[in-house]
């Protein structure tokens, strides 16, 4: 909700604010601050904006240039605040295109679809049971009804108090969730966090169930950018910030943050020390840990310990292949997979991305992307890369005859991990310093948001907290309801607490 106060700063008294991190959270914070008239400097260590959704140019073996990134991301319709950020430069969201379905295929041969599932709660959940080949009415009858009742009445933030001490796997065991259908919960929800569901807090699994099934009417359908991330999203937003007067400093590391005598903050970067009246740290988990560890005068001992306790999810692989012949025309733009020995999904980029479509049309081939999440630490990268290609050929047999013109393999381990029992130690947006706030998908937020939407929401909250201290309004934030939308299901869910 907007903070009370005036609409913006008088240009003669506008404070200088540093935003460290040019991903979604940092862009949201910088945008709101700059719109209210603050003098914003945005620092990003990479050469381009976007954080974990950044992109960069690369030259393929055939001589053509293309944009590489860290892979497919779904922009769900429940991402109200992220969409609001993107609307700053694209009011009608014309740079996003819908995919018609979210298909999930198990190696046993069954495929689930969300295209025809009703979107209005509670018919969304009931409709899925009615239409799913892996989760039917007979399976529903075998579940432990009392243990399953919390699924019907998720409340935020209470869900963390009740279920953060249980793993996602253990919760499904307690509920007696059908074995054949567990891949649905893992692939749709747990794997979204790049995490092993044996480590993931059950509270996060329940939150995702609430957001997509019982808390909203948008369902599990989503949009994707119709051009690579930089061209479709971040370059326009960076230009927008500069038109507002913000300074965008890419390729600049923030190493330390120190309080100033008499107020304010000094950021030490590669090029020197910059003084500002306030700062937002919108860094990834590893970056936040490093900056706080190096900034000895920052925060309290307990707060610093909580920052140091943040963990990153296991490494993941994104392999993108350019092939000399196309995949079959009926293959979807995105397919979630389970039971294929480490392959988590397949994307066919020319189905939705203009740059990939133009390459495929010129060369008569396809641009295919493969993901493997939570890869074992001991796994050899080249073996995993070969395994993904082998699994592609198993799922899409027509690719067995295709020659790989070029390939790129991106290995990363910088997504936040939300392990069992960790919620109480996650740092919130506000810090021990009134001039310093935090933002990002690792930051605690008592609203029903997750993933990219949590990043955008905490970015706006971080900016809003600083603005409120100066008597300037923030902005309205939208989320799905904090509780389920169906009174009947809420009543049933409340029985579990008795």
Protein backbone atom coordinates (compact mmCIF):
# COMPACT_ATOMS: atom_id res chain seq x y z
CA UNK A 1 0.00 0.00 0.00
CA UNK A 2 1.21 3.58 -0.56
CA UNK A 3 2.92 5.32 2.31
CA UNK A 4 1.28 8.56 3.51
CA UNK A 5 2.97 11.78 2.53
CA UNK A 6 3.61 14.06 -0.38
CA UNK A 7 3.82 12.85 -3.96
CA UNK A 8 7.50 13.54 -4.55
CA UNK A 9 10.62 15.50 -3.67
CA UNK A 10 11.30 19.12 -4.36
CA UNK A 11 14.21 18.99 -6.80
CA UNK A 12 16.24 21.28 -4.53
CA UNK A 13 16.04 18.83 -1.63
CA UNK A 14 16.03 15.46 -3.37
CA UNK A 15 18.11 12.88 -1.49
CA UNK A 16 20.81 10.84 -3.15
CA UNK A 17 20.07 7.10 -3.01
CA UNK A 18 22.28 4.21 -4.07
CA UNK A 19 20.72 1.00 -5.35
CA UNK A 20 23.18 -1.90 -5.46
CA UNK A 21 22.02 -4.58 -7.88
CA UNK A 22 20.44 -4.22 -11.30
CA UNK A 23 18.18 -7.25 -11.25
CA UNK A 24 14.41 -7.16 -10.87
CA UNK A 25 14.52 -6.05 -7.22
CA UNK A 26 17.03 -3.28 -7.84
CA UNK A 27 15.23 -2.06 -10.94
CA UNK A 28 11.94 -1.91 -9.04
CA UNK A 29 13.52 0.05 -6.17
CA UNK A 30 15.39 2.42 -8.48
CA UNK A 31 12.27 3.03 -10.59
CA UNK A 32 10.05 4.02 -7.69
CA UNK A 33 12.73 6.21 -6.10
CA UNK A 34 13.49 7.97 -9.38
CA UNK A 35 9.79 8.48 -10.11
CA UNK A 36 9.43 10.24 -6.75
CA UNK A 37 12.32 12.56 -7.60
CA UNK A 38 15.19 11.00 -5.65
CA UNK A 39 18.67 11.24 -7.19
CA UNK A 40 19.29 7.57 -7.88
CA UNK A 41 22.53 5.82 -8.78
CA UNK A 42 22.05 2.18 -9.80
CA UNK A 43 25.14 -0.03 -9.48
CA UNK A 44 25.29 -3.37 -11.33
CA UNK A 45 28.39 -5.57 -11.36
CA UNK A 46 27.64 -7.07 -14.78
CA UNK A 47 27.79 -5.16 -18.04
CA UNK A 48 24.02 -5.39 -18.54
CA UNK A 49 20.89 -5.08 -16.42
CA UNK A 50 18.54 -7.88 -15.50
CA UNK A 51 20.43 -9.80 -12.82
CA UNK A 52 19.67 -13.49 -13.20
CA UNK A 53 17.52 -12.60 -16.24
CA UNK A 54 20.28 -10.69 -18.02
CA UNK A 55 21.41 -11.46 -21.54
CA UNK A 56 24.55 -11.00 -23.57
CA UNK A 57 25.65 -11.25 -27.18
CA UNK A 58 27.53 -14.28 -28.50
CA UNK A 59 28.70 -15.36 -31.96
CA UNK A 60 27.73 -18.81 -33.17
CA UNK A 61 29.80 -21.19 -35.25
CA UNK A 62 27.84 -20.20 -38.38
CA UNK A 63 28.96 -16.59 -37.91
CA UNK A 64 25.61 -15.22 -36.75
CA UNK A 65 25.20 -13.20 -33.56
CA UNK A 66 22.59 -14.09 -31.00
CA UNK A 67 21.62 -13.29 -27.42
CA UNK A 68 22.42 -15.85 -24.74
CA UNK A 69 20.86 -15.85 -21.28
CA UNK A 70 20.46 -18.08 -18.27
CA UNK A 71 17.31 -19.59 -19.63
CA UNK A 72 13.57 -19.74 -19.77
CA UNK A 73 11.47 -17.88 -17.18
CA UNK A 74 7.69 -17.90 -16.98
CA UNK A 75 5.97 -14.57 -16.31
CA UNK A 76 2.84 -15.78 -14.54
CA UNK A 77 -0.31 -13.68 -14.59
CA UNK A 78 -0.15 -13.40 -10.75
CA UNK A 79 3.05 -11.35 -11.02
CA UNK A 80 1.08 -8.14 -10.56
CA UNK A 81 3.92 -5.96 -9.26
CA UNK A 82 6.51 -7.23 -11.74
CA UNK A 83 4.04 -6.59 -14.52
CA UNK A 84 3.46 -3.13 -13.11
CA UNK A 85 7.20 -2.50 -13.35
CA UNK A 86 7.28 -3.67 -16.97
CA UNK A 87 4.27 -1.51 -17.82
CA UNK A 88 6.44 1.58 -17.21
CA UNK A 89 7.85 1.08 -20.70
CA UNK A 90 5.26 -1.27 -22.20
CA UNK A 91 1.79 -0.23 -20.94
CA UNK A 92 -0.07 -2.97 -22.82
CA UNK A 93 2.65 -5.60 -22.19
CA UNK A 94 2.98 -6.16 -25.91
CA UNK A 95 6.51 -7.50 -25.40
CA UNK A 96 5.09 -10.50 -23.57
CA UNK A 97 3.37 -13.30 -25.47
CA UNK A 98 1.20 -16.03 -23.95
CA UNK A 99 2.03 -19.72 -24.18
CA UNK A 100 -1.13 -21.80 -24.56
CA UNK A 101 -0.32 -24.43 -21.96
CA UNK A 102 1.98 -25.58 -19.16
CA UNK A 103 2.36 -29.25 -20.13
CA UNK A 104 4.13 -31.68 -17.78
CA UNK A 105 5.30 -35.05 -19.05
CA UNK A 106 6.38 -38.00 -16.92
CA UNK A 107 8.67 -40.68 -18.30
CA UNK A 108 5.92 -43.19 -17.57
CA UNK A 109 4.01 -41.76 -20.51
CA UNK A 110 1.40 -39.54 -18.85
CA UNK A 111 1.13 -35.82 -19.61
CA UNK A 112 -0.68 -33.24 -17.52
CA UNK A 113 -2.06 -30.03 -18.96
CA UNK A 114 -3.33 -26.83 -17.39
CA UNK A 115 -4.85 -25.30 -20.52
CA UNK A 116 -8.41 -26.47 -19.83
CA UNK A 117 -8.32 -26.33 -16.02
CA UNK A 118 -10.82 -23.75 -14.64
CA UNK A 119 -9.13 -20.74 -13.09
CA UNK A 120 -11.65 -19.73 -10.43
CA UNK A 121 -11.10 -21.24 -6.94
CA UNK A 122 -12.11 -23.80 -5.81
CA UNK A 123 -12.93 -25.07 -9.30
CA UNK A 124 -9.28 -24.68 -10.28
CA UNK A 125 -8.18 -27.44 -7.90
CA UNK A 126 -11.27 -29.58 -8.50
CA UNK A 127 -10.98 -29.16 -12.25
CA UNK A 128 -7.37 -30.23 -12.20
CA UNK A 129 -8.27 -33.42 -10.33
CA UNK A 130 -11.05 -34.09 -12.82
CA UNK A 131 -8.82 -33.60 -15.87
CA UNK A 132 -5.47 -34.94 -14.68
CA UNK A 133 -4.44 -38.44 -15.83
CA UNK A 134 -2.03 -38.74 -12.88
CA UNK A 135 -4.22 -37.38 -10.09
CA UNK A 136 -7.82 -38.55 -10.09
CA UNK A 137 -10.79 -38.83 -7.75
CA UNK A 138 -9.65 -42.25 -6.56
CA UNK A 139 -6.28 -40.76 -5.54
CA UNK A 140 -8.09 -37.96 -3.76
CA UNK A 141 -9.97 -40.50 -1.68
CA UNK A 142 -6.76 -42.16 -0.46
CA UNK A 143 -5.26 -38.96 0.91
CA UNK A 144 -5.22 -38.15 4.62
CA UNK A 145 -8.01 -35.59 4.66
CA UNK A 146 -7.08 -33.99 7.96
CA UNK A 147 -3.41 -33.68 7.04
CA UNK A 148 -4.41 -32.20 3.66
CA UNK A 149 -6.73 -29.54 5.08
CA UNK A 150 -3.97 -26.89 5.38
CA UNK A 151 -3.75 -26.92 1.58
CA UNK A 152 -7.21 -25.38 1.56
CA UNK A 153 -6.52 -22.56 4.00
CA UNK A 154 -3.05 -21.14 3.44
CA UNK A 155 -2.55 -17.93 5.41
CA UNK A 156 0.45 -15.65 5.03
CA UNK A 157 2.61 -15.29 7.09
CA UNK A 158 1.09 -17.92 9.43
CA UNK A 159 1.95 -20.70 6.96
CA UNK A 160 5.62 -20.26 7.88
CA UNK A 161 4.91 -20.60 11.59
CA UNK A 162 3.10 -23.88 11.01
CA UNK A 163 5.05 -25.56 8.23
CA UNK A 164 8.55 -24.14 7.95
CA UNK A 165 9.91 -27.00 10.09
CA UNK A 166 8.73 -29.62 7.57
CA UNK A 167 10.25 -30.42 4.17
CA UNK A 168 8.20 -30.38 0.98
CA UNK A 169 8.73 -34.14 0.60
CA UNK A 170 7.67 -34.86 4.17
CA UNK A 171 4.50 -32.81 3.78
CA UNK A 172 3.42 -34.83 0.76
CA UNK A 173 4.18 -38.03 2.66
CA UNK A 174 2.03 -36.88 5.59
CA UNK A 175 -0.80 -35.97 3.23
CA UNK A 176 -0.40 -39.34 1.45
CA UNK A 177 -0.16 -37.46 -1.82
CA UNK A 178 -0.31 -40.04 -4.64
CA UNK A 179 3.16 -41.24 -5.60
CA UNK A 180 2.39 -41.04 -9.31
CA UNK A 181 1.35 -37.41 -8.99
CA UNK A 182 4.15 -36.16 -6.74
CA UNK A 183 6.15 -35.06 -9.73
CA UNK A 184 3.45 -32.44 -10.32
CA UNK A 185 4.08 -30.80 -6.96
CA UNK A 186 7.84 -31.06 -7.39
CA UNK A 187 8.07 -29.94 -10.99
CA UNK A 188 5.52 -27.14 -10.79
CA UNK A 189 6.50 -25.77 -7.40
CA UNK A 190 9.66 -27.13 -5.75
CA UNK A 191 11.75 -27.05 -8.91
CA UNK A 192 10.75 -23.42 -9.44
CA UNK A 193 13.11 -22.71 -6.54
CA UNK A 194 15.97 -24.65 -8.20
CA UNK A 195 15.91 -26.81 -5.08
CA UNK A 196 15.81 -30.41 -4.03
CA UNK A 197 12.31 -30.89 -2.52
CA UNK A 198 13.87 -32.90 0.31
CA UNK A 199 15.49 -29.67 1.51
CA UNK A 200 12.82 -27.12 0.59
CA UNK A 201 10.54 -25.78 3.32
CA UNK A 202 7.00 -27.12 3.03
CA UNK A 203 5.76 -23.59 3.73
CA UNK A 204 7.09 -22.48 0.34
CA UNK A 205 5.34 -25.41 -1.36
CA UNK A 206 2.05 -24.48 0.33
CA UNK A 207 2.50 -20.82 -0.57
CA UNK A 208 2.94 -21.71 -4.23
CA UNK A 209 -0.16 -23.93 -4.13
CA UNK A 210 -2.11 -20.99 -2.68
CA UNK A 211 -0.81 -18.45 -5.20
CA UNK A 212 -1.60 -20.52 -8.28
CA UNK A 213 -4.62 -22.62 -7.28
CA UNK A 214 -6.72 -21.29 -4.41
CA UNK A 215 -5.61 -17.67 -4.03
CA UNK A 216 -6.00 -16.39 -7.57
CA UNK A 217 -8.10 -16.74 -10.71
CA UNK A 218 -5.19 -16.63 -13.18
CA UNK A 219 -4.23 -20.29 -12.92
CA UNK A 220 -0.90 -21.72 -14.09
CA UNK A 221 -0.79 -20.17 -17.54
CA UNK A 222 1.91 -17.63 -18.22
CA UNK A 223 3.56 -15.28 -20.69
CA UNK A 224 7.12 -15.09 -21.98
CA UNK A 225 9.09 -12.25 -23.61
CA UNK A 226 8.79 -12.27 -27.39
CA UNK A 227 12.40 -11.14 -27.79
CA UNK A 228 15.46 -11.82 -25.59
CA UNK A 229 15.38 -10.35 -22.09
CA UNK A 230 17.64 -7.33 -22.75
CA UNK A 231 15.79 -6.10 -25.83
CA UNK A 232 12.28 -6.83 -24.54
CA UNK A 233 12.61 -5.81 -20.89
CA UNK A 234 15.77 -4.34 -19.43
CA UNK A 235 17.14 -1.99 -22.04
CA UNK A 236 13.81 -0.10 -22.23
CA UNK A 237 13.66 0.06 -18.42
CA UNK A 238 17.26 1.27 -18.18
CA UNK A 239 16.49 4.01 -20.70
CA UNK A 240 13.39 4.94 -18.70
CA UNK A 241 15.48 5.32 -15.54
CA UNK A 242 17.97 7.54 -17.31
CA UNK A 243 15.18 9.75 -18.63
CA UNK A 244 14.08 10.17 -15.01
CA UNK A 245 17.59 11.39 -14.17
CA UNK A 246 18.97 8.18 -12.65
CA UNK A 247 22.62 7.27 -13.19
CA UNK A 248 23.03 3.65 -14.33
CA UNK A 249 26.51 2.28 -13.66
CA UNK A 250 26.89 -1.20 -15.09
CA UNK A 251 30.18 -3.08 -14.74
CA UNK A 252 30.59 -1.65 -11.24
CA UNK A 253 31.10 -3.85 -8.18
CA UNK A 254 29.92 -2.66 -4.77
CA UNK A 255 32.38 -4.12 -2.28
CA UNK A 256 31.51 -2.41 1.02
CA UNK A 257 28.85 -0.23 2.61
CA UNK A 258 29.72 1.93 5.60
CA UNK A 259 27.74 4.39 7.72
CA UNK A 260 28.98 7.98 7.59
CA UNK A 261 29.58 10.13 10.62
CA UNK A 262 26.69 12.57 10.71
CA UNK A 263 24.42 10.37 8.60
CA UNK A 264 24.33 8.75 5.22
CA UNK A 265 26.32 5.93 3.71
CA UNK A 266 29.48 5.37 1.70
CA UNK A 267 29.63 2.68 -0.98
CA UNK A 268 33.09 1.47 -1.93
CA UNK A 269 33.23 0.32 -5.54
CA UNK A 270 35.92 -0.62 -8.05
CA UNK A 271 36.38 3.05 -8.89
CA UNK A 272 36.36 4.65 -5.46
CA UNK A 273 33.97 5.71 -2.70
CA UNK A 274 30.55 7.28 -3.32
CA UNK A 275 28.51 8.98 -0.60
CA UNK A 276 24.71 8.86 -0.53
CA UNK A 277 21.98 9.64 1.97
CA UNK A 278 20.49 6.14 1.75
CA UNK A 279 20.95 2.82 0.00
CA UNK A 280 19.07 -0.28 -1.12
CA UNK A 281 21.00 -3.54 -1.28
CA UNK A 282 19.26 -5.60 -3.98
CA UNK A 283 21.97 -8.21 -4.39
CA UNK A 284 21.81 -11.94 -4.91
CA UNK A 285 22.39 -14.15 -1.87
CA UNK A 286 26.13 -14.54 -2.34
CA UNK A 287 26.62 -10.87 -3.14
CA UNK A 288 24.69 -9.76 -0.06
CA UNK A 289 26.70 -12.07 2.17
CA UNK A 290 29.98 -10.76 0.76
CA UNK A 291 29.08 -7.09 1.06
CA UNK A 292 27.82 -7.39 4.64
CA UNK A 293 30.83 -9.49 5.69
CA UNK A 294 33.17 -6.83 4.29
CA UNK A 295 31.22 -3.93 5.86
CA UNK A 296 32.29 -4.28 9.48
CA UNK A 297 30.32 -1.30 10.80
CA UNK A 298 27.03 -2.43 9.32
CA UNK A 299 24.06 -3.66 11.34
CA UNK A 300 23.94 -5.61 14.59
CA UNK A 301 25.67 -8.88 15.38
CA UNK A 302 22.40 -10.83 15.16
CA UNK A 303 21.45 -9.22 11.84
CA UNK A 304 24.88 -9.94 10.39
CA UNK A 305 24.62 -13.56 11.54
CA UNK A 306 21.27 -13.90 9.78
CA UNK A 307 22.76 -12.54 6.56
CA UNK A 308 25.69 -14.95 6.85
CA UNK A 309 23.26 -17.86 7.32
CA UNK A 310 21.58 -17.31 3.93
CA UNK A 311 22.17 -20.22 1.58
CA UNK A 312 22.15 -20.68 -2.16
CA UNK A 313 20.37 -23.46 -4.00
CA UNK A 314 22.44 -26.21 -5.66
CA UNK A 315 23.98 -25.49 -9.03
CA UNK A 316 21.89 -25.78 -12.16
CA UNK A 317 22.59 -26.11 -15.86
CA UNK A 318 21.03 -24.40 -18.84
CA UNK A 319 22.07 -25.90 -22.19
CA UNK A 320 21.01 -24.15 -25.37
CA UNK A 321 21.40 -25.97 -28.67
CA UNK A 322 21.18 -24.68 -32.22
CA UNK A 323 20.29 -27.61 -34.51
CA UNK A 324 20.34 -28.03 -38.29
CA UNK A 325 16.79 -29.40 -38.48
CA UNK A 326 13.63 -28.47 -36.62
CA UNK A 327 11.82 -30.28 -33.88
CA UNK A 328 8.35 -31.44 -34.79
CA UNK A 329 5.87 -28.65 -35.41
CA UNK A 330 3.52 -29.80 -32.65
CA UNK A 331 6.14 -29.56 -29.90
CA UNK A 332 5.18 -26.93 -27.29
CA UNK A 333 7.24 -23.86 -26.54
CA UNK A 334 7.78 -25.20 -23.02
CA UNK A 335 7.53 -28.71 -21.60
CA UNK A 336 8.14 -29.67 -17.98
CA UNK A 337 9.62 -33.15 -17.64
CA UNK A 338 9.93 -35.64 -14.80
CA UNK A 339 11.56 -39.02 -14.49
CA UNK A 340 14.08 -38.38 -17.26
CA UNK A 341 17.19 -38.66 -15.13
CA UNK A 342 17.85 -35.01 -14.41
CA UNK A 343 16.16 -33.23 -17.33
CA UNK A 344 13.66 -30.79 -15.83
CA UNK A 345 12.26 -29.04 -18.89
CA UNK A 346 12.63 -28.40 -22.61
CA UNK A 347 11.99 -25.10 -24.37
CA UNK A 348 11.73 -24.59 -28.13
CA UNK A 349 12.62 -20.93 -28.38
CA UNK A 350 11.46 -20.25 -31.93
CA UNK A 351 7.90 -20.93 -30.77
CA UNK A 352 7.86 -17.59 -28.93
CA UNK A 353 11.11 -15.62 -29.25
CA UNK A 354 11.61 -13.52 -32.34
CA UNK A 355 15.40 -13.71 -32.47
CA UNK A 356 15.35 -17.53 -32.25
CA UNK A 357 12.55 -17.71 -34.83
CA UNK A 358 14.58 -15.66 -37.28
CA UNK A 359 17.62 -17.92 -36.83
CA UNK A 360 15.49 -21.06 -37.25
CA UNK A 361 13.89 -19.67 -40.41
CA UNK A 362 17.26 -18.80 -41.96
CA UNK A 363 18.84 -22.14 -41.13
CA UNK A 364 15.94 -24.57 -41.25
CA UNK A 365 16.65 -25.70 -37.69
CA UNK A 366 15.58 -25.17 -34.10
CA UNK A 367 16.83 -23.42 -30.97
CA UNK A 368 16.27 -25.78 -28.05
CA UNK A 369 16.96 -25.16 -24.39
CA UNK A 370 17.37 -27.82 -21.68
CA UNK A 371 17.37 -27.29 -17.91
CA UNK A 372 18.72 -29.44 -15.09
CA UNK A 373 18.08 -28.15 -11.55
CA UNK A 374 19.71 -29.12 -8.25
CA UNK A 375 22.57 -30.97 -9.92
CA UNK A 376 24.62 -33.09 -7.50
CA UNK A 377 27.83 -31.42 -6.37
CA UNK A 378 29.91 -34.42 -7.44
CA UNK A 379 28.45 -34.61 -10.95
CA UNK A 380 30.88 -33.93 -13.79
CA UNK A 381 29.67 -31.00 -15.93
CA UNK A 382 30.42 -32.58 -19.30
CA UNK A 383 28.60 -35.78 -18.35
CA UNK A 384 25.55 -33.80 -17.27
CA UNK A 385 25.61 -31.82 -20.51
CA UNK A 386 25.74 -35.01 -22.57
CA UNK A 387 23.00 -36.53 -20.44
CA UNK A 388 20.65 -33.63 -21.21
CA UNK A 389 21.17 -34.07 -24.95
CA UNK A 390 20.53 -37.81 -24.63
CA UNK A 391 17.30 -37.13 -22.71
CA UNK A 392 16.20 -34.61 -25.35
CA UNK A 393 16.58 -37.32 -27.97
CA UNK A 394 14.51 -39.64 -25.81
CA UNK A 395 11.67 -37.13 -25.28
CA UNK A 396 11.76 -35.71 -28.84
CA UNK A 397 13.00 -38.62 -31.01
CA UNK A 398 13.18 -36.49 -34.17
CA UNK A 399 16.22 -34.71 -32.67
CA UNK A 400 18.27 -37.91 -32.93
CA UNK A 401 18.98 -37.10 -36.57
CA UNK A 402 19.71 -33.45 -35.94
CA UNK A 403 23.25 -32.08 -35.98
CA UNK A 404 24.06 -29.58 -33.24
CA UNK A 405 25.38 -26.50 -35.07
CA UNK A 406 26.45 -24.84 -31.82
CA UNK A 407 25.79 -25.06 -28.10
CA UNK A 408 26.14 -22.96 -24.96
CA UNK A 409 26.17 -24.38 -21.44
CA UNK A 410 25.51 -22.08 -18.48
CA UNK A 411 26.32 -23.37 -14.99
CA UNK A 412 25.25 -21.27 -12.00
CA UNK A 413 24.63 -21.54 -8.28
CA UNK A 414 23.29 -18.21 -7.05
CA UNK A 415 19.56 -18.69 -6.47
CA UNK A 416 18.37 -18.46 -2.85
CA UNK A 417 17.62 -21.66 -0.99
CA UNK A 418 14.73 -21.80 1.50
CA UNK A 419 15.64 -24.84 3.59
CA UNK A 420 13.55 -26.31 6.37
CA UNK A 421 13.47 -24.11 9.46
CA UNK A 422 15.13 -21.07 7.90
CA UNK A 423 12.27 -18.58 7.59
CA UNK A 424 12.73 -16.92 10.99
CA UNK A 425 16.31 -16.01 10.05
CA UNK A 426 15.59 -14.51 6.65
CA UNK A 427 16.33 -10.79 6.79
CA UNK A 428 13.37 -8.47 6.19
CA UNK A 429 13.30 -5.37 4.01
CA UNK A 430 14.05 -3.02 6.90
CA UNK A 431 17.47 -3.21 8.55
CA UNK A 432 18.94 -1.86 11.81
CA UNK A 433 19.74 1.34 9.88
CA UNK A 434 16.88 3.64 8.81
CA UNK A 435 18.88 4.63 5.72
CA UNK A 436 19.43 1.08 4.50
CA UNK A 437 16.91 -1.44 3.11
CA UNK A 438 17.15 -4.85 1.46
CA UNK A 439 15.37 -6.26 -1.59
CA UNK A 440 15.38 -9.50 -3.53
CA UNK A 441 13.77 -12.90 -3.76
CA UNK A 442 15.75 -14.08 -0.71
CA UNK A 443 14.33 -11.31 1.50
CA UNK A 444 11.50 -12.06 3.92
CA UNK A 445 8.18 -10.64 2.84
CA UNK A 446 4.92 -11.20 4.72
CA UNK A 447 2.90 -11.08 1.51
CA UNK A 448 1.87 -14.04 -0.68
CA UNK A 449 4.55 -13.57 -3.34
CA UNK A 450 7.40 -15.76 -4.60
CA UNK A 451 10.22 -15.93 -7.11
CA UNK A 452 10.40 -12.98 -9.54
CA UNK A 453 7.31 -11.42 -7.99
CA UNK A 454 8.94 -11.46 -4.56
CA UNK A 455 11.94 -9.70 -6.07
CA UNK A 456 9.78 -6.95 -7.60
CA UNK A 457 7.59 -6.60 -4.51
CA UNK A 458 10.49 -6.30 -2.07
CA UNK A 459 12.14 -3.81 -4.42
CA UNK A 460 9.10 -1.55 -4.22
CA UNK A 461 8.83 -2.13 -0.46
CA UNK A 462 12.51 -1.24 0.04
CA UNK A 463 12.07 2.01 -1.87
CA UNK A 464 8.79 2.71 -0.08
CA UNK A 465 10.38 2.33 3.35
CA UNK A 466 13.00 4.97 2.52
CA UNK A 467 10.42 7.28 0.96
CA UNK A 468 8.16 7.02 4.02
CA UNK A 469 10.99 8.24 6.25
CA UNK A 470 11.18 11.35 4.07
CA UNK A 471 7.42 11.88 4.07
CA UNK A 472 6.97 10.80 0.45
CA UNK A 473 4.38 8.29 -0.74
CA UNK A 474 5.33 4.91 -2.08
CA UNK A 475 3.03 3.01 -4.42
CA UNK A 476 0.11 0.61 -4.29
CA UNK A 477 1.15 -3.05 -4.27
CA UNK A 478 -1.11 -5.87 -5.43
CA UNK A 479 -1.01 -9.52 -4.40
CA UNK A 480 -3.30 -12.49 -4.31
CA UNK A 481 -5.28 -12.56 -1.01
CA UNK A 482 -3.37 -13.48 2.15
CA UNK A 483 -5.92 -16.25 2.69
CA UNK A 484 -7.87 -18.54 0.37
CA UNK A 485 -10.68 -16.98 -1.66
CA UNK A 486 -13.28 -19.65 -0.91
CA UNK A 487 -15.07 -19.32 2.48
CA UNK A 488 -16.05 -23.00 2.36
CA UNK A 489 -12.46 -24.16 1.84
CA UNK A 490 -11.19 -21.76 4.49
CA UNK A 491 -13.67 -23.22 6.94
CA UNK A 492 -12.52 -26.75 6.13
CA UNK A 493 -8.90 -25.74 6.36
CA UNK A 494 -9.46 -24.16 9.77
CA UNK A 495 -10.46 -27.59 11.12
CA UNK A 496 -6.85 -28.70 10.78
CA UNK A 497 -5.80 -26.24 13.43
CA UNK A 498 -8.22 -27.55 16.04
